[in-house]
């Protein structure tokens, strides 16, 4: 587990890349019960004005916190997590959408030994989750 005393605002604590495929979307739909066709049918996605099949927002959010959980070694240390969905992650029929996550210390609360971890989550050089922040207990 990371040591609170050894952290400084601006420290990068994790970085990881992920691939989201259409198979990922099918698995997530089955687990979550979200079978909205914009997540698996190109024709429906385009008919409602989307650029293509989109990854589920909650899937993207769940993937983004993984490097922080790995750094912490315990998912229970995440005490608050929130994001704003700013851009879609378009998942091609063949291949994968490549998601990049960089996690840095954004703030430290010495009184509670909590750290705010700011996440930059990118797809095709665009930030897809705005104000993506997790408060962690150390």
Protein backbone atom coordinates (compact mmCIF):
# COMPACT_ATOMS: atom_id res chain seq x y z
CA UNK A 1 0.00 0.00 0.00
CA UNK A 2 1.30 3.49 -0.81
CA UNK A 3 2.60 5.66 2.01
CA UNK A 4 0.72 8.95 2.47
CA UNK A 5 3.84 10.73 3.76
CA UNK A 6 5.71 9.88 0.56
CA UNK A 7 3.16 11.50 -1.76
CA UNK A 8 3.33 14.95 -3.30
CA UNK A 9 0.78 16.83 -5.37
CA UNK A 10 1.62 16.19 -9.02
CA UNK A 11 3.14 12.72 -8.49
CA UNK A 12 2.10 10.24 -11.15
CA UNK A 13 0.96 7.10 -9.34
CA UNK A 14 -0.27 4.96 -12.23
CA UNK A 15 -0.49 4.75 -16.00
CA UNK A 16 -2.07 2.04 -18.10
CA UNK A 17 -3.51 1.44 -21.54
CA UNK A 18 -6.60 -0.64 -22.23
CA UNK A 19 -8.30 -2.05 -25.30
CA UNK A 20 -12.08 -2.14 -25.58
CA UNK A 21 -13.46 -4.47 -28.23
CA UNK A 22 -16.97 -5.34 -29.33
CA UNK A 23 -16.55 -8.52 -27.26
CA UNK A 24 -15.89 -6.28 -24.22
CA UNK A 25 -19.19 -4.52 -24.90
CA UNK A 26 -21.11 -7.79 -25.13
CA UNK A 27 -19.63 -9.02 -21.85
CA UNK A 28 -20.37 -5.73 -20.11
CA UNK A 29 -23.93 -5.65 -21.45
CA UNK A 30 -24.53 -9.13 -20.09
CA UNK A 31 -23.09 -8.25 -16.68
CA UNK A 32 -24.83 -4.88 -16.37
CA UNK A 33 -28.10 -5.56 -18.14
CA UNK A 34 -27.55 -2.52 -20.39
CA UNK A 35 -28.56 -3.80 -23.80
CA UNK A 36 -29.07 -0.43 -25.48
CA UNK A 37 -28.39 -1.15 -29.17
CA UNK A 38 -26.08 1.89 -29.53
CA UNK A 39 -23.55 -0.33 -27.77
CA UNK A 40 -23.61 -3.11 -30.36
CA UNK A 41 -25.42 -2.06 -33.57
CA UNK A 42 -23.78 0.35 -36.00
CA UNK A 43 -27.04 1.07 -37.83
CA UNK A 44 -28.86 2.09 -34.64
CA UNK A 45 -25.94 4.20 -33.39
CA UNK A 46 -25.72 6.05 -36.70
CA UNK A 47 -29.50 6.46 -36.93
CA UNK A 48 -29.47 8.46 -33.69
CA UNK A 49 -26.56 10.61 -34.88
CA UNK A 50 -23.64 8.86 -33.20
CA UNK A 51 -20.33 8.26 -35.01
CA UNK A 52 -20.61 4.51 -34.39
CA UNK A 53 -21.04 1.94 -31.64
CA UNK A 54 -20.12 3.44 -28.28
CA UNK A 55 -18.58 1.89 -25.20
CA UNK A 56 -20.87 2.04 -22.19
CA UNK A 57 -20.02 5.07 -20.05
CA UNK A 58 -19.97 3.01 -16.88
CA UNK A 59 -17.62 0.48 -18.53
CA UNK A 60 -15.22 3.29 -19.41
CA UNK A 61 -15.50 4.66 -15.87
CA UNK A 62 -14.87 1.21 -14.36
CA UNK A 63 -11.84 0.60 -16.55
CA UNK A 64 -10.39 4.02 -15.70
CA UNK A 65 -10.23 3.37 -11.94
CA UNK A 66 -8.39 0.05 -12.34
CA UNK A 67 -4.82 1.47 -12.33
CA UNK A 68 -5.61 3.32 -9.09
CA UNK A 69 -6.96 0.14 -7.48
CA UNK A 70 -3.85 -1.75 -8.57
CA UNK A 71 -1.65 0.99 -7.09
CA UNK A 72 -3.60 0.89 -3.82
CA UNK A 73 -3.76 -2.91 -3.68
CA UNK A 74 -7.28 -2.68 -2.22
CA UNK A 75 -10.46 -1.44 -3.94
CA UNK A 76 -11.90 -0.64 -0.49
CA UNK A 77 -9.44 2.24 -0.19
CA UNK A 78 -11.37 4.20 -2.85
CA UNK A 79 -13.80 6.27 -0.76
CA UNK A 80 -15.25 8.47 -3.53
CA UNK A 81 -15.08 8.42 -7.31
CA UNK A 82 -16.76 10.61 -9.87
CA UNK A 83 -16.45 11.60 -13.52
CA UNK A 84 -18.16 13.64 -16.20
CA UNK A 85 -18.66 11.94 -19.52
CA UNK A 86 -17.27 14.39 -22.08
CA UNK A 87 -16.64 12.45 -25.32
CA UNK A 88 -17.69 9.02 -26.56
CA UNK A 89 -15.42 6.02 -26.97
CA UNK A 90 -16.23 4.63 -30.42
CA UNK A 91 -15.52 0.91 -30.64
CA UNK A 92 -14.78 -0.38 -34.15
CA UNK A 93 -16.32 -3.61 -35.48
CA UNK A 94 -12.83 -5.04 -35.93
CA UNK A 95 -9.90 -4.23 -33.68
CA UNK A 96 -10.17 -2.20 -30.51
CA UNK A 97 -10.64 1.25 -29.07
CA UNK A 98 -7.49 2.13 -27.17
CA UNK A 99 -8.03 3.90 -23.86
CA UNK A 100 -5.18 5.59 -21.98
CA UNK A 101 -5.32 6.31 -18.24
CA UNK A 102 -2.85 8.47 -16.32
CA UNK A 103 -3.37 8.95 -12.57
CA UNK A 104 -1.72 11.77 -10.59
CA UNK A 105 -2.03 13.11 -7.07
CA UNK A 106 -4.26 16.18 -7.29
CA UNK A 107 -4.60 17.04 -3.60
CA UNK A 108 -3.62 15.76 -0.17
CA UNK A 109 -5.65 16.00 3.03
CA UNK A 110 -3.22 15.53 5.91
CA UNK A 111 -5.98 15.56 8.52
CA UNK A 112 -7.66 12.45 7.08
CA UNK A 113 -4.67 10.89 5.25
CA UNK A 114 -6.68 10.97 2.06
CA UNK A 115 -5.40 11.75 -1.40
CA UNK A 116 -7.36 12.98 -4.39
CA UNK A 117 -6.22 11.14 -7.48
CA UNK A 118 -6.92 12.93 -10.74
CA UNK A 119 -7.34 10.72 -13.80
CA UNK A 120 -6.73 11.74 -17.39
CA UNK A 121 -8.63 9.25 -19.53
CA UNK A 122 -8.03 9.57 -23.26
CA UNK A 123 -9.23 7.99 -26.48
CA UNK A 124 -7.76 9.08 -29.82
CA UNK A 125 -6.01 11.98 -28.04
CA UNK A 126 -9.31 13.30 -26.66
CA UNK A 127 -10.17 13.36 -22.97
CA UNK A 128 -13.29 11.21 -22.59
CA UNK A 129 -13.88 11.58 -18.84
CA UNK A 130 -13.76 15.10 -17.44
CA UNK A 131 -13.19 15.94 -13.79
CA UNK A 132 -12.33 12.30 -13.19
CA UNK A 133 -11.29 12.17 -9.55
CA UNK A 134 -11.03 9.53 -6.86
CA UNK A 135 -10.48 10.16 -3.17
CA UNK A 136 -8.47 7.36 -1.60
CA UNK A 137 -7.80 6.54 2.03
CA UNK A 138 -4.18 5.86 2.89
